[in-house]
C-alpha atoms as a PDB file:
ATOM      1  CA  UNK A   1     -32.201  19.639   3.434  1.00  0.00           C
ATOM      2  CA  UNK A   2     -28.701  18.327   2.604  1.00  0.00           C
ATOM      3  CA  UNK A   3     -27.165  18.331  -0.853  1.00  0.00           C
ATOM      4  CA  UNK A   4     -25.028  15.297  -1.647  1.00  0.00           C
ATOM      5  CA  UNK A   5     -23.007  14.538  -4.758  1.00  0.00           C
ATOM      6  CA  UNK A   6     -22.799  10.966  -5.986  1.00  0.00           C
ATOM      7  CA  UNK A   7     -21.233   8.932  -8.769  1.00  0.00           C
ATOM      8  CA  UNK A   8     -23.619   7.006 -11.006  1.00  0.00           C
ATOM      9  CA  UNK A   9     -23.026   4.372 -13.649  1.00  0.00           C
ATOM     10  CA  UNK A  10     -23.757   6.149 -16.931  1.00  0.00           C
ATOM     11  CA  UNK A  11     -23.045   3.213 -19.243  1.00  0.00           C
ATOM     12  CA  UNK A  12     -21.711  -0.324 -18.991  1.00  0.00           C
ATOM     13  CA  UNK A  13     -17.984  -0.537 -19.815  1.00  0.00           C
ATOM     14  CA  UNK A  14     -16.741  -2.615 -22.708  1.00  0.00           C
ATOM     15  CA  UNK A  15     -13.174  -3.607 -21.924  1.00  0.00           C
ATOM     16  CA  UNK A  16     -11.267  -1.187 -19.712  1.00  0.00           C
ATOM     17  CA  UNK A  17     -13.651   1.342 -18.098  1.00  0.00           C
ATOM     18  CA  UNK A  18     -13.252   5.011 -18.976  1.00  0.00           C
ATOM     19  CA  UNK A  19     -14.372   8.244 -17.360  1.00  0.00           C
ATOM     20  CA  UNK A  20     -17.295   8.340 -19.813  1.00  0.00           C
ATOM     21  CA  UNK A  21     -18.872   5.342 -18.066  1.00  0.00           C
ATOM     22  CA  UNK A  22     -19.506   7.465 -14.969  1.00  0.00           C
ATOM     23  CA  UNK A  23     -21.424  10.638 -14.183  1.00  0.00           C
ATOM     24  CA  UNK A  24     -21.472  13.027 -11.250  1.00  0.00           C
ATOM     25  CA  UNK A  25     -24.927  13.983  -9.987  1.00  0.00           C
ATOM     26  CA  UNK A  26     -26.400  15.863  -7.047  1.00  0.00           C
ATOM     27  CA  UNK A  27     -29.340  14.857  -4.879  1.00  0.00           C
ATOM     28  CA  UNK A  28     -31.152  16.643  -2.071  1.00  0.00           C
ATOM     29  CA  UNK A  29     -31.625  14.600   1.072  1.00  0.00           C
ATOM     30  CA  UNK A  30     -34.598  15.289   3.352  1.00  0.00           C
ATOM     31  CA  UNK A  31     -34.405  14.827   7.103  1.00  0.00           C
ATOM     32  CA  UNK A  32     -34.184  11.109   7.939  1.00  0.00           C
ATOM     33  CA  UNK A  33     -37.514   9.360   8.359  1.00  0.00           C
ATOM     34  CA  UNK A  34     -38.584   7.178  11.247  1.00  0.00           C
ATOM     35  CA  UNK A  35     -35.957   4.532  11.953  1.00  0.00           C
ATOM     36  CA  UNK A  36     -33.447   6.195   9.624  1.00  0.00           C
ATOM     37  CA  UNK A  37     -30.115   7.946   9.982  1.00  0.00           C
ATOM     38  CA  UNK A  38     -28.358  10.474   7.794  1.00  0.00           C
ATOM     39  CA  UNK A  39     -24.633   9.872   7.342  1.00  0.00           C
ATOM     40  CA  UNK A  40     -21.919  12.048   5.840  1.00  0.00           C
ATOM     41  CA  UNK A  41     -19.176   9.844   4.438  1.00  0.00           C
ATOM     42  CA  UNK A  42     -15.568  10.646   5.209  1.00  0.00           C
ATOM     43  CA  UNK A  43     -13.923   7.749   3.329  1.00  0.00           C
ATOM     44  CA  UNK A  44     -14.893   5.360   0.554  1.00  0.00           C
ATOM     45  CA  UNK A  45     -13.137   2.427  -1.037  1.00  0.00           C
ATOM     46  CA  UNK A  46     -12.701   1.379  -4.651  1.00  0.00           C
ATOM     47  CA  UNK A  47     -11.979  -2.300  -5.264  1.00  0.00           C
ATOM     48  CA  UNK A  48     -11.347  -4.476  -8.326  1.00  0.00           C
ATOM     49  CA  UNK A  49     -14.454  -6.626  -7.712  1.00  0.00           C
ATOM     50  CA  UNK A  50     -16.599  -3.595  -8.561  1.00  0.00           C
ATOM     51  CA  UNK A  51     -15.644  -4.021 -12.219  1.00  0.00           C
ATOM     52  CA  UNK A  52     -17.675  -7.239 -12.364  1.00  0.00           C
ATOM     53  CA  UNK A  53     -20.757  -5.485 -10.985  1.00  0.00           C
ATOM     54  CA  UNK A  54     -20.629  -3.053 -13.915  1.00  0.00           C
ATOM     55  CA  UNK A  55     -21.537  -5.909 -16.260  1.00  0.00           C
ATOM     56  CA  UNK A  56     -25.174  -6.941 -16.592  1.00  0.00           C
ATOM     57  CA  UNK A  57     -24.527 -10.546 -15.630  1.00  0.00           C
ATOM     58  CA  UNK A  58     -25.635 -12.784 -12.790  1.00  0.00           C
ATOM     59  CA  UNK A  59     -22.974 -13.215 -10.138  1.00  0.00           C
ATOM     60  CA  UNK A  60     -22.572 -13.521  -6.381  1.00  0.00           C
ATOM     61  CA  UNK A  61     -23.650  -9.862  -6.063  1.00  0.00           C
ATOM     62  CA  UNK A  62     -26.265  -8.041  -8.179  1.00  0.00           C
ATOM     63  CA  UNK A  63     -25.011  -5.793 -11.001  1.00  0.00           C
ATOM     64  CA  UNK A  64     -24.938  -2.024 -10.659  1.00  0.00           C
ATOM     65  CA  UNK A  65     -27.838  -0.338 -12.423  1.00  0.00           C
ATOM     66  CA  UNK A  66     -27.516   2.339 -15.115  1.00  0.00           C
ATOM     67  CA  UNK A  67     -28.402   5.779 -13.771  1.00  0.00           C
ATOM     68  CA  UNK A  68     -28.089   4.771 -10.130  1.00  0.00           C
ATOM     69  CA  UNK A  69     -25.372   5.557  -7.622  1.00  0.00           C
ATOM     70  CA  UNK A  70     -22.686   2.918  -7.332  1.00  0.00           C
ATOM     71  CA  UNK A  71     -22.194   1.056  -4.066  1.00  0.00           C
ATOM     72  CA  UNK A  72     -19.202   0.087  -1.982  1.00  0.00           C
ATOM     73  CA  UNK A  73     -17.654   0.267   1.434  1.00  0.00           C
ATOM     74  CA  UNK A  74     -17.623   3.603   3.238  1.00  0.00           C
ATOM     75  CA  UNK A  75     -16.957   5.082   6.672  1.00  0.00           C
ATOM     76  CA  UNK A  76     -18.797   8.169   7.850  1.00  0.00           C
ATOM     77  CA  UNK A  77     -20.396  10.054  10.694  1.00  0.00           C
ATOM     78  CA  UNK A  78     -24.056  10.223  11.685  1.00  0.00           C
ATOM     79  CA  UNK A  79     -25.188  13.839  11.197  1.00  0.00           C
ATOM     80  CA  UNK A  80     -28.890  13.312  11.915  1.00  0.00           C
ATOM     81  CA  UNK A  81     -30.715  10.418  13.561  1.00  0.00           C
ATOM     82  CA  UNK A  82     -34.331   9.383  13.789  1.00  0.00           C
ATOM     83  CA  UNK A  83     -33.517   6.077  15.449  1.00  0.00           C
ATOM     84  CA  UNK A  84     -32.750   5.644  19.159  1.00  0.00           C
ATOM     85  CA  UNK A  85     -29.820   3.293  18.539  1.00  0.00           C
ATOM     86  CA  UNK A  86     -27.727   5.996  16.835  1.00  0.00           C
ATOM     87  CA  UNK A  87     -26.648   9.430  18.015  1.00  0.00           C
ATOM     88  CA  UNK A  88     -25.242  12.355  16.076  1.00  0.00           C
ATOM     89  CA  UNK A  89     -21.476  11.916  15.924  1.00  0.00           C
ATOM     90  CA  UNK A  90     -21.494   8.117  15.851  1.00  0.00           C
ATOM     91  CA  UNK A  91     -18.928   6.668  13.465  1.00  0.00           C
ATOM     92  CA  UNK A  92     -20.465   4.086  11.144  1.00  0.00           C
ATOM     93  CA  UNK A  93     -19.550   1.751   8.327  1.00  0.00           C
ATOM     94  CA  UNK A  94     -21.816   0.963   5.375  1.00  0.00           C
ATOM     95  CA  UNK A  95     -21.993  -0.130   1.761  1.00  0.00           C
ATOM     96  CA  UNK A  96     -23.236   3.318   0.708  1.00  0.00           C
ATOM     97  CA  UNK A  97     -20.002   4.529  -0.814  1.00  0.00           C
ATOM     98  CA  UNK A  98     -19.665   6.566  -4.028  1.00  0.00           C
ATOM     99  CA  UNK A  99     -21.671   9.408  -2.447  1.00  0.00           C
ATOM    100  CA  UNK A 100     -21.006  12.215  -0.015  1.00  0.00           C
ATOM    101  CA  UNK A 101     -24.037  11.608   2.204  1.00  0.00           C
ATOM    102  CA  UNK A 102     -27.081   9.383   2.409  1.00  0.00           C
ATOM    103  CA  UNK A 103     -30.222   8.478   4.332  1.00  0.00           C
ATOM    104  CA  UNK A 104     -30.687   4.824   5.211  1.00  0.00           C
ATOM    105  CA  UNK A 105     -32.483   2.566   7.692  1.00  0.00           C
ATOM    106  CA  UNK A 106     -30.493   2.237  10.888  1.00  0.00           C
ATOM    107  CA  UNK A 107     -30.212  -1.498  10.215  1.00  0.00           C
ATOM    108  CA  UNK A 108     -28.185  -0.789   7.042  1.00  0.00           C
ATOM    109  CA  UNK A 109     -25.235   0.790   8.891  1.00  0.00           C
ATOM    110  CA  UNK A 110     -22.943  -0.561  11.605  1.00  0.00           C
ATOM    111  CA  UNK A 111     -21.357   1.329  14.464  1.00  0.00           C
ATOM    112  CA  UNK A 112     -17.601   1.293  14.121  1.00  0.00           C
ATOM    113  CA  UNK A 113     -15.297   0.570  17.032  1.00  0.00           C
ATOM    114  CA  UNK A 114     -11.912   1.606  15.687  1.00  0.00           C
ATOM    115  CA  UNK A 115      -9.875  -0.039  18.476  1.00  0.00           C
ATOM    116  CA  UNK A 116      -7.612   3.005  18.221  1.00  0.00           C
ATOM    117  CA  UNK A 117      -6.937   2.566  14.500  1.00  0.00           C
ATOM    118  CA  UNK A 118      -7.589   5.230  11.843  1.00  0.00           C
ATOM    119  CA  UNK A 119     -11.182   4.806  10.596  1.00  0.00           C
ATOM    120  CA  UNK A 120     -10.160   4.186   6.971  1.00  0.00           C
ATOM    121  CA  UNK A 121      -8.202   1.073   7.939  1.00  0.00           C
ATOM    122  CA  UNK A 122     -11.570  -0.673   8.257  1.00  0.00           C
ATOM    123  CA  UNK A 123     -11.860  -0.308   4.494  1.00  0.00           C
ATOM    124  CA  UNK A 124      -8.409  -1.850   4.099  1.00  0.00           C
ATOM    125  CA  UNK A 125      -6.137  -3.843   6.362  1.00  0.00           C
ATOM    126  CA  UNK A 126      -8.710  -4.193   9.163  1.00  0.00           C
ATOM    127  CA  UNK A 127     -11.642  -4.580   6.786  1.00  0.00           C
ATOM    128  CA  UNK A 128     -12.667  -6.588   3.752  1.00  0.00           C
ATOM    129  CA  UNK A 129      -9.258  -6.663   2.008  1.00  0.00           C
ATOM    130  CA  UNK A 130      -7.496  -7.675   5.206  1.00  0.00           C
ATOM    131  CA  UNK A 131      -9.988 -10.417   5.944  1.00  0.00           C
ATOM    132  CA  UNK A 132      -9.736 -11.636   2.342  1.00  0.00           C
ATOM    133  CA  UNK A 133      -5.982 -12.046   2.830  1.00  0.00           C
ATOM    134  CA  UNK A 134      -6.368 -13.706   6.240  1.00  0.00           C
ATOM    135  CA  UNK A 135      -9.085 -16.148   5.173  1.00  0.00           C
ATOM    136  CA  UNK A 136      -7.504 -16.956   1.823  1.00  0.00           C
ATOM    137  CA  UNK A 137      -4.097 -17.741   3.261  1.00  0.00           C
ATOM    138  CA  UNK A 138      -5.031 -19.410   6.535  1.00  0.00           C
ATOM    139  CA  UNK A 139      -8.391 -21.048   5.771  1.00  0.00           C
ATOM    140  CA  UNK A 140      -8.440 -21.685   2.014  1.00  0.00           C
ATOM    141  CA  UNK A 141      -4.751 -22.385   1.394  1.00  0.00           C
ATOM    142  CA  UNK A 142      -4.284 -23.815   4.893  1.00  0.00           C
ATOM    143  CA  UNK A 143      -0.832 -22.332   5.423  1.00  0.00           C
ATOM    144  CA  UNK A 144       1.566 -24.782   7.125  1.00  0.00           C
ATOM    145  CA  UNK A 145       4.967 -24.449   8.757  1.00  0.00           C
ATOM    146  CA  UNK A 146       7.696 -24.557   6.129  1.00  0.00           C
ATOM    147  CA  UNK A 147       5.451 -23.616   3.200  1.00  0.00           C
ATOM    148  CA  UNK A 148       6.965 -21.455   0.475  1.00  0.00           C
ATOM    149  CA  UNK A 149       4.353 -18.884  -0.554  1.00  0.00           C
ATOM    150  CA  UNK A 150       3.994 -17.068  -3.873  1.00  0.00           C
ATOM    151  CA  UNK A 151       1.731 -14.000  -4.028  1.00  0.00           C
ATOM    152  CA  UNK A 152       0.744 -12.200  -7.222  1.00  0.00           C
ATOM    153  CA  UNK A 153      -0.420  -8.589  -6.989  1.00  0.00           C
ATOM    154  CA  UNK A 154       1.659  -8.592  -3.828  1.00  0.00           C
ATOM    155  CA  UNK A 155       1.829  -4.806  -3.425  1.00  0.00           C
ATOM    156  CA  UNK A 156      -1.964  -4.390  -3.468  1.00  0.00           C
ATOM    157  CA  UNK A 157      -4.428  -4.081  -0.621  1.00  0.00           C
ATOM    158  CA  UNK A 158      -4.913  -7.838  -0.288  1.00  0.00           C
ATOM    159  CA  UNK A 159      -1.536  -9.099  -1.485  1.00  0.00           C
ATOM    160  CA  UNK A 160       0.516  -6.946   0.870  1.00  0.00           C
ATOM    161  CA  UNK A 161      -1.405  -8.353   3.846  1.00  0.00           C
ATOM    162  CA  UNK A 162      -0.920 -11.921   2.594  1.00  0.00           C
ATOM    163  CA  UNK A 163       2.827 -11.303   2.422  1.00  0.00           C
ATOM    164  CA  UNK A 164       2.961 -10.029   5.982  1.00  0.00           C
ATOM    165  CA  UNK A 165       0.770 -12.721   7.535  1.00  0.00           C
ATOM    166  CA  UNK A 166       2.898 -15.400   5.898  1.00  0.00           C
ATOM    167  CA  UNK A 167       6.045 -13.749   7.285  1.00  0.00           C
ATOM    168  CA  UNK A 168       4.506 -13.460  10.762  1.00  0.00           C
ATOM    169  CA  UNK A 169       3.902 -17.211  10.554  1.00  0.00           C
ATOM    170  CA  UNK A 170       7.564 -17.772   9.676  1.00  0.00           C
ATOM    171  CA  UNK A 171       7.234 -18.692   5.991  1.00  0.00           C
ATOM    172  CA  UNK A 172       9.354 -17.793   2.981  1.00  0.00           C
ATOM    173  CA  UNK A 173       7.434 -15.444   0.665  1.00  0.00           C
ATOM    174  CA  UNK A 174       7.905 -14.533  -2.983  1.00  0.00           C
ATOM    175  CA  UNK A 175       5.919 -11.551  -4.219  1.00  0.00           C
ATOM    176  CA  UNK A 176       5.223 -10.301  -7.733  1.00  0.00           C
ATOM    177  CA  UNK A 177       4.523  -6.645  -8.495  1.00  0.00           C
ATOM    178  CA  UNK A 178       5.180  -4.135 -11.258  1.00  0.00           C
ATOM    179  CA  UNK A 179       7.759  -1.349 -11.006  1.00  0.00           C
ATOM    180  CA  UNK A 180      10.680  -0.330  -8.816  1.00  0.00           C
ATOM    181  CA  UNK A 181       8.573   1.505  -6.216  1.00  0.00           C
ATOM    182  CA  UNK A 182       6.416  -1.542  -5.572  1.00  0.00           C
ATOM    183  CA  UNK A 183       9.457  -3.792  -5.442  1.00  0.00           C
ATOM    184  CA  UNK A 184      10.954  -1.516  -2.775  1.00  0.00           C
ATOM    185  CA  UNK A 185       7.684  -1.512  -0.836  1.00  0.00           C
ATOM    186  CA  UNK A 186       7.532  -5.309  -0.795  1.00  0.00           C
ATOM    187  CA  UNK A 187      11.098  -5.539   0.429  1.00  0.00           C
ATOM    188  CA  UNK A 188      10.249  -3.067   3.183  1.00  0.00           C
ATOM    189  CA  UNK A 189       7.482  -5.343   4.509  1.00  0.00           C
ATOM    190  CA  UNK A 190       9.730  -8.400   4.584  1.00  0.00           C
ATOM    191  CA  UNK A 191       9.137 -10.150   1.268  1.00  0.00           C
ATOM    192  CA  UNK A 192      12.050 -12.564   0.803  1.00  0.00           C
ATOM    193  CA  UNK A 193      12.123 -12.472  -3.003  1.00  0.00           C
ATOM    194  CA  UNK A 194      10.419  -9.922  -5.244  1.00  0.00           C
ATOM    195  CA  UNK A 195       9.722 -10.331  -8.958  1.00  0.00           C
ATOM    196  CA  UNK A 196       9.169  -7.201 -11.030  1.00  0.00           C
ATOM    197  CA  UNK A 197       6.951  -8.824 -13.637  1.00  0.00           C
ATOM    198  CA  UNK A 198       7.150  -5.750 -15.877  1.00  0.00           C
ATOM    199  CA  UNK A 199      10.908  -6.242 -16.161  1.00  0.00           C
ATOM    200  CA  UNK A 200      10.773  -9.994 -16.849  1.00  0.00           C
ATOM    201  CA  UNK A 201      10.393 -11.510 -20.306  1.00  0.00           C
ATOM    202  CA  UNK A 202       9.732 -14.964 -18.850  1.00  0.00           C
ATOM    203  CA  UNK A 203       7.740 -14.908 -15.620  1.00  0.00           C
ATOM    204  CA  UNK A 204       7.974 -18.678 -15.148  1.00  0.00           C
ATOM    205  CA  UNK A 205      11.777 -18.567 -15.354  1.00  0.00           C
ATOM    206  CA  UNK A 206      11.833 -15.665 -12.893  1.00  0.00           C
ATOM    207  CA  UNK A 207       9.724 -17.601 -10.387  1.00  0.00           C
ATOM    208  CA  UNK A 208      11.894 -20.687 -10.778  1.00  0.00           C
ATOM    209  CA  UNK A 209      14.936 -18.567  -9.906  1.00  0.00           C
ATOM    210  CA  UNK A 210      13.206 -17.078  -6.890  1.00  0.00           C
ATOM    211  CA  UNK A 211      11.917 -20.460  -5.687  1.00  0.00           C
ATOM    212  CA  UNK A 212      14.352 -23.094  -6.982  1.00  0.00           C
ATOM    213  CA  UNK A 213      12.790 -25.788  -4.770  1.00  0.00           C
ATOM    214  CA  UNK A 214       9.230 -24.865  -5.765  1.00  0.00           C
ATOM    215  CA  UNK A 215       6.199 -23.331  -4.029  1.00  0.00           C
ATOM    216  CA  UNK A 216       3.602 -24.843  -1.709  1.00  0.00           C
ATOM    217  CA  UNK A 217       1.031 -22.036  -1.650  1.00  0.00           C
ATOM    218  CA  UNK A 218      -0.052 -19.647  -4.386  1.00  0.00           C
ATOM    219  CA  UNK A 219      -2.282 -16.680  -3.565  1.00  0.00           C
ATOM    220  CA  UNK A 220      -3.811 -15.688  -6.900  1.00  0.00           C
ATOM    221  CA  UNK A 221      -4.762 -12.059  -7.515  1.00  0.00           C
ATOM    222  CA  UNK A 222      -3.724 -11.585 -11.149  1.00  0.00           C
ATOM    223  CA  UNK A 223      -4.251 -14.667 -13.341  1.00  0.00           C
ATOM    224  CA  UNK A 224      -2.875 -15.216 -16.837  1.00  0.00           C
ATOM    225  CA  UNK A 225       0.882 -15.738 -16.975  1.00  0.00           C
ATOM    226  CA  UNK A 226       1.100 -15.641 -13.190  1.00  0.00           C
ATOM    227  CA  UNK A 227      -1.080 -18.738 -12.956  1.00  0.00           C
ATOM    228  CA  UNK A 228       1.057 -20.477 -15.581  1.00  0.00           C
ATOM    229  CA  UNK A 229       4.201 -19.699 -13.609  1.00  0.00           C
ATOM    230  CA  UNK A 230       2.688 -20.864 -10.316  1.00  0.00           C
ATOM    231  CA  UNK A 231       1.573 -24.182 -11.812  1.00  0.00           C
ATOM    232  CA  UNK A 232       5.039 -24.756 -13.257  1.00  0.00           C
ATOM    233  CA  UNK A 233       6.747 -24.002  -9.926  1.00  0.00           C
ATOM    234  CA  UNK A 234       4.286 -25.834  -7.685  1.00  0.00           C
ATOM    235  CA  UNK A 235       5.417 -28.733  -5.531  1.00  0.00           C
ATOM    236  CA  UNK A 236       3.248 -31.850  -5.186  1.00  0.00           C
ATOM    237  CA  UNK A 237       0.120 -31.178  -3.129  1.00  0.00           C
ATOM    238  CA  UNK A 238       0.431 -27.390  -3.448  1.00  0.00           C
ATOM    239  CA  UNK A 239      -2.636 -25.337  -2.529  1.00  0.00           C
ATOM    240  CA  UNK A 240      -3.836 -22.404  -4.640  1.00  0.00           C
ATOM    241  CA  UNK A 241      -6.188 -19.787  -3.129  1.00  0.00           C
ATOM    242  CA  UNK A 242      -7.911 -18.120  -6.069  1.00  0.00           C
ATOM    243  CA  UNK A 243      -8.894 -14.677  -4.822  1.00  0.00           C
ATOM    244  CA  UNK A 244      -9.062 -12.722  -8.087  1.00  0.00           C
ATOM    245  CA  UNK A 245      -7.678 -12.448 -11.599  1.00  0.00           C
ATOM    246  CA  UNK A 246      -7.494  -8.753 -12.332  1.00  0.00           C
ATOM    247  CA  UNK A 247      -5.747  -9.315 -15.667  1.00  0.00           C
ATOM    248  CA  UNK A 248      -9.001 -10.863 -16.919  1.00  0.00           C
ATOM    249  CA  UNK A 249     -11.555  -8.365 -15.629  1.00  0.00           C
ATOM    250  CA  UNK A 250     -11.597  -6.155 -18.712  1.00  0.00           C
ATOM    251  CA  UNK A 251     -11.261  -8.917 -21.329  1.00  0.00           C
ATOM    252  CA  UNK A 252     -13.615  -8.516 -24.286  1.00  0.00           C
ATOM    253  CA  UNK A 253     -12.647 -11.541 -26.356  1.00  0.00           C
ATOM    254  CA  UNK A 254     -11.503 -15.021 -25.512  1.00  0.00           C
ATOM    255  CA  UNK A 255     -10.107 -15.352 -22.014  1.00  0.00           C
ATOM    256  CA  UNK A 256      -6.448 -16.203 -21.458  1.00  0.00           C
ATOM    257  CA  UNK A 257      -6.009 -19.951 -21.626  1.00  0.00           C
ATOM    258  CA  UNK A 258      -3.949 -21.406 -18.779  1.00  0.00           C
ATOM    259  CA  UNK A 259      -1.182 -23.390 -20.442  1.00  0.00           C
ATOM    260  CA  UNK A 260       0.033 -25.487 -17.520  1.00  0.00           C
ATOM    261  CA  UNK A 261      -3.259 -26.630 -16.013  1.00  0.00           C
ATOM    262  CA  UNK A 262      -2.456 -30.289 -16.699  1.00  0.00           C
ATOM    263  CA  UNK A 263       0.210 -29.990 -13.999  1.00  0.00           C
ATOM    264  CA  UNK A 264      -2.548 -29.721 -11.418  1.00  0.00           C
ATOM    265  CA  UNK A 265      -3.282 -33.400 -12.098  1.00  0.00           C
ATOM    266  CA  UNK A 266       0.208 -34.818 -11.904  1.00  0.00           C
ATOM    267  CA  UNK A 267       1.140 -32.704  -8.892  1.00  0.00           C
ATOM    268  CA  UNK A 268      -2.168 -33.245  -7.064  1.00  0.00           C
ATOM    269  CA  UNK A 269      -2.614 -29.472  -6.732  1.00  0.00           C
ATOM    270  CA  UNK A 270      -5.743 -28.160  -5.024  1.00  0.00           C
ATOM    271  CA  UNK A 271      -7.163 -24.998  -6.598  1.00  0.00           C
ATOM    272  CA  UNK A 272      -9.962 -23.334  -4.637  1.00  0.00           C
ATOM    273  CA  UNK A 273     -11.752 -20.128  -5.522  1.00  0.00           C
ATOM    274  CA  UNK A 274     -13.294 -18.095  -2.724  1.00  0.00           C
ATOM    275  CA  UNK A 275     -14.967 -14.840  -1.809  1.00  0.00           C
ATOM    276  CA  UNK A 276     -14.574 -13.241   1.579  1.00  0.00           C
ATOM    277  CA  UNK A 277     -18.255 -13.521   2.499  1.00  0.00           C
ATOM    278  CA  UNK A 278     -17.827 -17.309   2.575  1.00  0.00           C
ATOM    279  CA  UNK A 279     -15.745 -16.839   5.715  1.00  0.00           C
ATOM    280  CA  UNK A 280     -17.586 -14.201   7.759  1.00  0.00           C
ATOM    281  CA  UNK A 281     -18.048 -16.699  10.595  1.00  0.00           C
ATOM    282  CA  UNK A 282     -14.331 -16.212  11.246  1.00  0.00           C
ATOM    283  CA  UNK A 283     -14.645 -12.425  11.702  1.00  0.00           C
ATOM    284  CA  UNK A 284     -13.975 -12.459  15.481  1.00  0.00           C
ATOM    285  CA  UNK A 285     -10.818 -14.540  15.010  1.00  0.00           C
ATOM    286  CA  UNK A 286      -9.673 -12.269  12.176  1.00  0.00           C
ATOM    287  CA  UNK A 287     -10.162  -9.122  14.264  1.00  0.00           C
ATOM    288  CA  UNK A 288      -8.352 -10.668  17.219  1.00  0.00           C
ATOM    289  CA  UNK A 289      -5.369 -11.642  15.065  1.00  0.00           C
ATOM    290  CA  UNK A 290      -5.171  -8.378  13.159  1.00  0.00           C
ATOM    291  CA  UNK A 291      -5.571  -6.084  16.164  1.00  0.00           C
ATOM    292  CA  UNK A 292      -2.868  -8.003  17.987  1.00  0.00           C
ATOM    293  CA  UNK A 293      -0.432  -7.941  15.069  1.00  0.00           C
ATOM    294  CA  UNK A 294      -1.042  -4.251  14.375  1.00  0.00           C
ATOM    295  CA  UNK A 295      -0.674  -3.270  18.035  1.00  0.00           C
ATOM    296  CA  UNK A 296       2.540  -5.310  18.235  1.00  0.00           C
ATOM    297  CA  UNK A 297       3.936  -3.476  15.207  1.00  0.00           C
ATOM    298  CA  UNK A 298       4.077  -6.660  13.117  1.00  0.00           C
ATOM    299  CA  UNK A 299       1.785  -5.393  10.357  1.00  0.00           C
ATOM    300  CA  UNK A 300       2.300  -2.308   8.234  1.00  0.00           C
ATOM    301  CA  UNK A 301      -0.012  -0.795   5.688  1.00  0.00           C
ATOM    302  CA  UNK A 302       0.126   1.807   2.994  1.00  0.00           C
ATOM    303  CA  UNK A 303      -2.629   3.736   1.269  1.00  0.00           C
ATOM    304  CA  UNK A 304      -3.014   5.557  -2.019  1.00  0.00           C
ATOM    305  CA  UNK A 305      -5.487   8.389  -1.462  1.00  0.00           C
ATOM    306  CA  UNK A 306      -7.375  10.587  -3.914  1.00  0.00           C
ATOM    307  CA  UNK A 307      -9.602  13.358  -2.585  1.00  0.00           C
ATOM    308  CA  UNK A 308     -13.112  14.384  -3.592  1.00  0.00           C
ATOM    309  CA  UNK A 309     -16.108  12.418  -4.829  1.00  0.00           C
ATOM    310  CA  UNK A 310     -15.520  13.770  -8.338  1.00  0.00           C
ATOM    311  CA  UNK A 311     -12.197  11.895  -8.405  1.00  0.00           C
ATOM    312  CA  UNK A 312     -13.618   8.537  -7.374  1.00  0.00           C
ATOM    313  CA  UNK A 313     -13.878   7.190 -10.956  1.00  0.00           C
ATOM    314  CA  UNK A 314     -10.243   8.102 -11.584  1.00  0.00           C
ATOM    315  CA  UNK A 315      -9.229   6.334  -8.380  1.00  0.00           C
ATOM    316  CA  UNK A 316     -11.096   3.232  -9.522  1.00  0.00           C
ATOM    317  CA  UNK A 317      -9.420   3.287 -12.930  1.00  0.00           C
ATOM    318  CA  UNK A 318      -5.987   3.393 -11.266  1.00  0.00           C
ATOM    319  CA  UNK A 319      -6.590  -0.142 -10.029  1.00  0.00           C
ATOM    320  CA  UNK A 320      -6.273  -1.447 -13.589  1.00  0.00           C
ATOM    321  CA  UNK A 321      -3.191   0.593 -14.430  1.00  0.00           C
ATOM    322  CA  UNK A 322      -1.064  -0.283 -11.426  1.00  0.00           C
ATOM    323  CA  UNK A 323      -1.605   3.211 -10.066  1.00  0.00           C
ATOM    324  CA  UNK A 324      -1.949   2.199  -6.434  1.00  0.00           C
ATOM    325  CA  UNK A 325       0.296   0.755  -3.776  1.00  0.00           C
ATOM    326  CA  UNK A 326      -1.627  -0.811  -0.906  1.00  0.00           C
ATOM    327  CA  UNK A 327      -5.246   0.252  -0.437  1.00  0.00           C
ATOM    328  CA  UNK A 328      -6.832   2.659  -2.925  1.00  0.00           C
ATOM    329  CA  UNK A 329      -9.106   5.068  -1.063  1.00  0.00           C
ATOM    330  CA  UNK A 330     -11.051   8.258  -1.705  1.00  0.00           C
ATOM    331  CA  UNK A 331     -11.222  10.861   1.059  1.00  0.00           C
ATOM    332  CA  UNK A 332     -14.548  12.661   1.007  1.00  0.00           C
ATOM    333  CA  UNK A 333     -14.399  15.045   3.986  1.00  0.00           C
END
């Protein structure tokens, strides 16, 4: 028997989540049944999209259930196997995060070939956030030579990869982030112009200064005033990849109304929302690009790490307070 601690959804948040919306519980795991494996997680991810799953609404993924363990990406090691395709010691990836260990059918986990990278990078730059950046910039926005790119949330797990891919492709990049440390980080990864939105009274004016000739691509992670600024600065036929709008995730009243949306008509702007699962057919191409760029030293990454399953809710809450630079992770063992 194995004892595992897990984080459950205790109540549905109204507005910004608090620690009271979560509870820590313990379960006892039996030996894995036929066709099952038992995995002890070593890393788990917390991501902004999880906030939407805490609401009881229909979306592209089912909502989390009250009283049940949350779910999310995790990397761990097989500690017991009752399936011939897995051996003890195999490194695996799953969506059974928010818990220290679990039993699951062998078909619900995937063996992880790290290609020499640290395992947790497959929850970040070499995983879902990295592919979101790659697909959003190259497939949705259709990055072209000479494009000027604006990225909001540029110091986050997705945004920081967007910045670097655009630079690898030879484009000028403007990034927005909050605070001096994040500004310094963006400069260190090659961002041409950095806007500290917390220090600016007029974000549109700040973007116009940074991109006096306008922008061709906007990678949207934040929403609100950032979208207004991007619309104002957009050149004709600009392309907007709408990845997320974290400023809206905890709204309880009327959503922020975009003031400059009419400019999308006169400028013939294309705005396209996407989720990464729409582009999984490109996974081999993504892995080929990313492994090459990382091995060539062209891509850097940073992580913000909290330790212990009991601190996972706090790590998640940091996402909405600007408490992370790069990928927010929880180390479990």
